Amino acid sequence: MDDPLLIFDCDGVLIDSEAIYLEVEFDFLRSKDIEVERDWYAGEFMALAQDKWRAKLSDLLLERTGTPLTDDDYTALKSISRRRVLEEVRPIEGIDTLLKAMTARRCVASSTQMPFLPLKLEQAELARFFGDGVYSGDMVENGKPAPDLFAFAAEKMGYAPEACITVEDSANGVRGAKAAGQFVIGFTGGGHWTDKSGAPLTAAGADHVVASHAELGDWLAANTGAMANNSAA
């Protein structure tokens, strides 16, 4: 692709926040005496649209405890995770260098609700790279893993699906972008990834997997016209 649109997920791709969300959610599950396997939970819950995530968590609680997720528990979970993300948020290593070297247009497509999504980007000092190209699952009828958000972002930016390269760190995100007809790069550079091979992302349909933004920049330079002087340096 000579002139691709780069579509970036936010959590776990731009900012190193997924580990925080997982820690908060696992603390909550343990408080309910629920133990689940981490990789299973990440594969099932990460990147889901808020309504789907809430419903799925409520079903898990109902199955394991006989009581669904309460409004108070949901509100507390959101409050704790948002506070911690804003206090601890940091960009993933190499993203600033990558975005500075990138000549291709780019946008963000995230399940994070508005107005928290742009707030996170501002806090991580990344908002300047995206301008108005920040799209939330709030903006479409069906969030991830449905293709709606990815198709919406591409349409708003003026690109056909086959001209889009989406960077995702979750199986649900990969599924959504592939269903939208886009080329998908699985990203395992976030702190929540212990196995950098990205096997779950490949299994979900990722066309390629990278373990860092430096590796992503090298791939883009070798395979697209997205980088200045054909280099991430």
Protein backbone atom coordinates (compact mmCIF):
# COMPACT_ATOMS: atom_id res chain seq x y z
CA MET A 1 0.00 0.00 0.00
CA ASP A 2 1.55 3.26 -1.12
CA ASP A 3 -0.80 5.55 0.79
CA PRO A 4 -2.46 3.59 3.61
CA LEU A 5 -4.57 4.84 6.48
CA LEU A 6 -3.17 3.62 9.82
CA ILE A 7 -5.92 2.87 12.35
CA PHE A 8 -4.61 2.49 15.91
CA ASP A 9 -6.34 0.99 18.89
CA CYS A 10 -5.62 3.06 22.01
CA ASP A 11 -5.21 0.84 25.09
CA GLY A 12 -2.33 -1.55 24.68
CA VAL A 13 -1.18 -0.02 21.38
CA LEU A 14 -0.73 3.70 22.02
CA ILE A 15 -0.80 3.77 25.82
CA ASP A 16 0.29 1.05 28.23
CA SER A 17 -2.99 0.76 30.09
CA GLU A 18 -4.35 -2.75 29.51
CA ALA A 19 -2.30 -4.15 32.39
CA ILE A 20 -3.97 -1.60 34.69
CA TYR A 21 -7.46 -2.52 33.55
CA LEU A 22 -6.72 -6.22 33.97
CA GLU A 23 -5.31 -5.71 37.46
CA VAL A 24 -8.38 -3.76 38.59
CA GLU A 25 -10.74 -6.33 37.11
CA PHE A 26 -8.88 -9.28 38.60
CA ASP A 27 -8.87 -7.61 42.04
CA PHE A 28 -12.64 -7.27 41.69
CA LEU A 29 -13.09 -10.90 40.64
CA ARG A 30 -10.98 -12.11 43.56
CA SER A 31 -13.14 -10.02 45.92
CA LYS A 32 -16.03 -12.16 44.66
CA ASP A 33 -14.00 -15.37 45.13
CA ILE A 34 -13.81 -15.88 41.37
CA GLU A 35 -10.64 -17.26 39.82
CA VAL A 36 -10.22 -17.33 36.05
CA GLU A 37 -7.29 -18.01 33.76
CA ARG A 38 -5.67 -14.74 32.69
CA ASP A 39 -5.18 -15.55 29.03
CA TRP A 40 -8.76 -16.77 28.74
CA TYR A 41 -10.09 -13.60 30.35
CA ALA A 42 -7.95 -11.32 28.19
CA GLY A 43 -9.06 -13.10 25.03
CA GLU A 44 -12.73 -12.94 25.97
CA PHE A 45 -13.02 -9.49 27.56
CA MET A 46 -10.29 -7.20 26.23
CA ALA A 47 -11.43 -4.49 23.78
CA LEU A 48 -15.11 -5.35 24.01
CA ALA A 49 -17.54 -2.46 23.65
CA GLN A 50 -18.64 -1.24 27.09
CA ASP A 51 -22.15 -2.65 26.86
CA LYS A 52 -20.85 -6.04 25.73
CA TRP A 53 -18.13 -6.04 28.40
CA ARG A 54 -20.61 -5.20 31.15
CA ALA A 55 -23.07 -7.87 30.02
CA LYS A 56 -20.34 -10.51 29.73
CA LEU A 57 -18.93 -9.70 33.18
CA SER A 58 -22.43 -9.80 34.65
CA ASP A 59 -22.99 -13.23 33.11
CA LEU A 60 -19.71 -14.46 34.59
CA LEU A 61 -20.69 -13.25 38.05
CA LEU A 62 -24.15 -14.76 37.74
CA GLU A 63 -22.67 -18.10 36.71
CA ARG A 64 -20.08 -18.20 39.48
CA THR A 65 -21.90 -16.48 42.38
CA GLY A 66 -25.60 -16.51 41.52
CA THR A 67 -25.66 -12.69 41.52
CA PRO A 68 -25.19 -10.49 38.45
CA LEU A 69 -23.01 -7.38 38.30
CA THR A 70 -24.63 -4.54 40.24
CA ASP A 71 -24.76 -0.92 39.13
CA ASP A 72 -22.62 0.03 42.14
CA ASP A 73 -19.95 -2.53 41.27
CA TYR A 74 -19.87 -1.38 37.64
CA THR A 75 -19.57 2.28 38.64
CA ALA A 76 -16.80 1.48 41.13
CA LEU A 77 -14.85 -0.55 38.58
CA LYS A 78 -14.99 2.28 36.04
CA SER A 79 -14.03 4.87 38.64
CA ILE A 80 -11.03 2.93 39.95
CA SER A 81 -9.68 1.99 36.51
CA ARG A 82 -10.09 5.49 35.09
CA ARG A 83 -8.41 7.11 38.07
CA ARG A 84 -5.48 4.71 37.89
CA VAL A 85 -5.10 5.06 34.13
CA LEU A 86 -4.91 8.85 34.37
CA GLU A 87 -2.45 8.62 37.26
CA GLU A 88 -0.23 5.96 35.73
CA VAL A 89 -0.74 6.34 31.98
CA ARG A 90 2.33 6.38 29.78
CA PRO A 91 2.79 5.96 26.06
CA ILE A 92 4.07 2.61 24.88
CA GLU A 93 7.78 2.73 24.13
CA GLY A 94 8.57 3.91 20.62
CA ILE A 95 5.13 5.24 19.67
CA ASP A 96 6.23 8.89 19.71
CA THR A 97 9.17 8.12 17.38
CA LEU A 98 6.95 6.07 15.08
CA LEU A 99 4.27 8.73 14.76
CA LYS A 100 6.82 11.48 14.16
CA ALA A 101 8.38 9.47 11.31
CA MET A 102 5.07 8.46 9.78
CA THR A 103 3.84 10.39 6.75
CA ALA A 104 0.66 8.37 6.30
CA ARG A 105 -2.63 9.58 7.70
CA ARG A 106 -3.66 7.98 10.96
CA CYS A 107 -6.58 7.80 13.38
CA VAL A 108 -7.66 6.09 16.61
CA ALA A 109 -10.48 3.53 16.89
CA SER A 110 -11.09 2.52 20.51
CA SER A 111 -13.79 0.98 22.68
CA THR A 112 -13.09 3.66 25.29
CA GLN A 113 -16.07 5.91 25.82
CA MET A 114 -16.15 9.61 25.10
CA PRO A 115 -14.95 11.96 26.55
CA PHE A 116 -12.44 9.71 28.36
CA LEU A 117 -10.73 8.61 25.13
CA PRO A 118 -9.32 12.04 24.13
CA LEU A 119 -8.50 12.71 27.78
CA LYS A 120 -6.25 9.64 27.87
CA LEU A 121 -4.54 10.67 24.66
CA GLU A 122 -3.93 14.17 26.02
CA GLN A 123 -2.54 12.78 29.25
CA ALA A 124 -0.11 10.59 27.28
CA GLU A 125 0.82 13.56 25.06
CA LEU A 126 -0.30 11.73 21.93
CA ALA A 127 -3.44 13.69 21.00
CA ARG A 128 -1.42 16.04 18.77
CA PHE A 129 -0.73 13.20 16.35
CA PHE A 130 -4.40 12.48 15.61
CA GLY A 131 -6.32 15.75 15.58
CA ASP A 132 -10.02 15.06 15.02
CA GLY A 133 -9.33 11.48 13.93
CA VAL A 134 -10.37 9.94 17.25
CA TYR A 135 -13.29 7.51 17.08
CA SER A 136 -15.02 5.74 19.96
CA GLY A 137 -17.28 2.74 20.12
CA ASP A 138 -19.90 5.22 21.36
CA MET A 139 -20.17 6.48 17.78
CA VAL A 140 -21.49 3.24 16.27
CA GLU A 141 -24.36 0.90 16.98
CA ASN A 142 -22.19 -2.17 17.52
CA GLY A 143 -18.75 -1.89 19.11
CA LYS A 144 -15.86 -4.36 18.95
CA PRO A 145 -15.71 -7.21 17.97
CA ALA A 146 -18.22 -6.03 15.36
CA PRO A 147 -16.67 -4.31 12.31
CA ASP A 148 -18.74 -1.12 12.69
CA LEU A 149 -16.14 1.07 14.42
CA PHE A 150 -13.36 0.19 11.97
CA ALA A 151 -15.63 0.77 8.97
CA PHE A 152 -16.81 4.06 10.49
CA ALA A 153 -13.25 5.30 11.07
CA ALA A 154 -12.20 4.42 7.53
CA GLU A 155 -15.25 6.14 6.04
CA LYS A 156 -14.73 9.30 8.12
CA MET A 157 -11.09 9.45 7.06
CA GLY A 158 -12.04 8.86 3.41
CA TYR A 159 -10.36 5.48 2.85
CA ALA A 160 -11.58 2.22 1.39
CA PRO A 161 -11.23 -0.85 3.67
CA GLU A 162 -8.47 -2.37 1.55
CA ALA A 163 -6.38 0.81 1.98
CA CYS A 164 -6.44 0.54 5.79
CA ILE A 165 -3.88 -1.01 8.12
CA THR A 166 -5.25 -1.52 11.62
CA VAL A 167 -2.98 -2.08 14.63
CA GLU A 168 -4.67 -4.07 17.40
CA ASP A 169 -3.52 -5.82 20.57
CA SER A 170 -6.66 -7.87 21.27
CA ALA A 171 -8.33 -10.82 19.60
CA ASN A 172 -11.67 -8.98 19.68
CA GLY A 173 -10.15 -5.98 17.92
CA VAL A 174 -8.46 -8.15 15.32
CA ARG A 175 -11.75 -9.90 14.56
CA GLY A 176 -13.56 -6.60 14.12
CA ALA A 177 -10.96 -5.07 11.80
CA LYS A 178 -10.75 -8.23 9.67
CA ALA A 179 -14.54 -8.31 9.40
CA ALA A 180 -14.32 -4.71 8.13
CA GLY A 181 -12.04 -5.90 5.32
CA GLN A 182 -8.85 -4.29 6.63
CA PHE A 183 -5.26 -5.51 6.85
CA VAL A 184 -4.54 -6.14 10.53
CA ILE A 185 -1.25 -6.04 12.40
CA GLY A 186 -1.32 -7.68 15.82
CA PHE A 187 0.69 -5.76 18.42
CA THR A 188 2.26 -7.39 21.48
CA GLY A 189 4.36 -4.49 22.76
CA GLY A 190 2.05 -3.64 25.67
CA GLY A 191 2.96 -4.53 29.23
CA HIS A 192 0.05 -6.96 29.49
CA TRP A 193 1.60 -9.27 26.88
CA THR A 194 3.93 -11.91 28.34
CA ASP A 195 4.06 -14.09 25.23
CA LYS A 196 5.25 -11.72 22.51
CA SER A 197 4.56 -14.23 19.73
CA GLY A 198 0.96 -13.04 19.51
CA ALA A 199 -0.41 -16.52 18.79
CA PRO A 200 -3.96 -15.55 19.93
CA LEU A 201 -3.89 -12.57 17.56
CA THR A 202 -2.77 -14.74 14.65
CA ALA A 203 -5.50 -17.23 15.52
CA ALA A 204 -8.03 -14.37 15.47
CA GLY A 205 -6.94 -13.48 11.94
CA ALA A 206 -4.07 -10.99 12.23
CA ASP A 207 -2.13 -10.76 8.96
CA HIS A 208 1.15 -9.94 10.70
CA VAL A 209 2.35 -9.59 14.31
CA VAL A 210 4.95 -7.18 15.74
CA ALA A 211 6.33 -6.95 19.27
CA SER A 212 7.33 -3.27 19.31
CA HIS A 213 6.74 0.03 17.56
CA ALA A 214 10.28 -0.10 16.19
CA GLU A 215 9.39 -3.40 14.54
CA LEU A 216 6.14 -1.92 13.28
CA GLY A 217 8.01 1.04 11.77
CA ASP A 218 10.46 -1.28 10.02
CA TRP A 219 7.60 -3.33 8.58
CA LEU A 220 5.76 -0.24 7.38
CA ALA A 221 8.94 1.12 5.80
CA ALA A 222 9.59 -2.14 3.97
CA ASN A 223 6.02 -2.80 2.82
CA THR A 224 4.23 0.54 2.46
CA GLY A 225 4.75 4.20 1.69
CA ALA A 226 3.76 5.18 5.22
CA MET A 227 7.15 6.27 6.55
CA ALA A 228 9.27 9.32 5.85
CA ASN A 229 12.31 8.39 3.72
CA ASN A 230 11.03 4.78 3.86
CA SER A 231 12.41 4.47 7.40
CA ALA A 232 11.18 4.54 11.00
CA ALA A 233 14.41 6.19 12.13
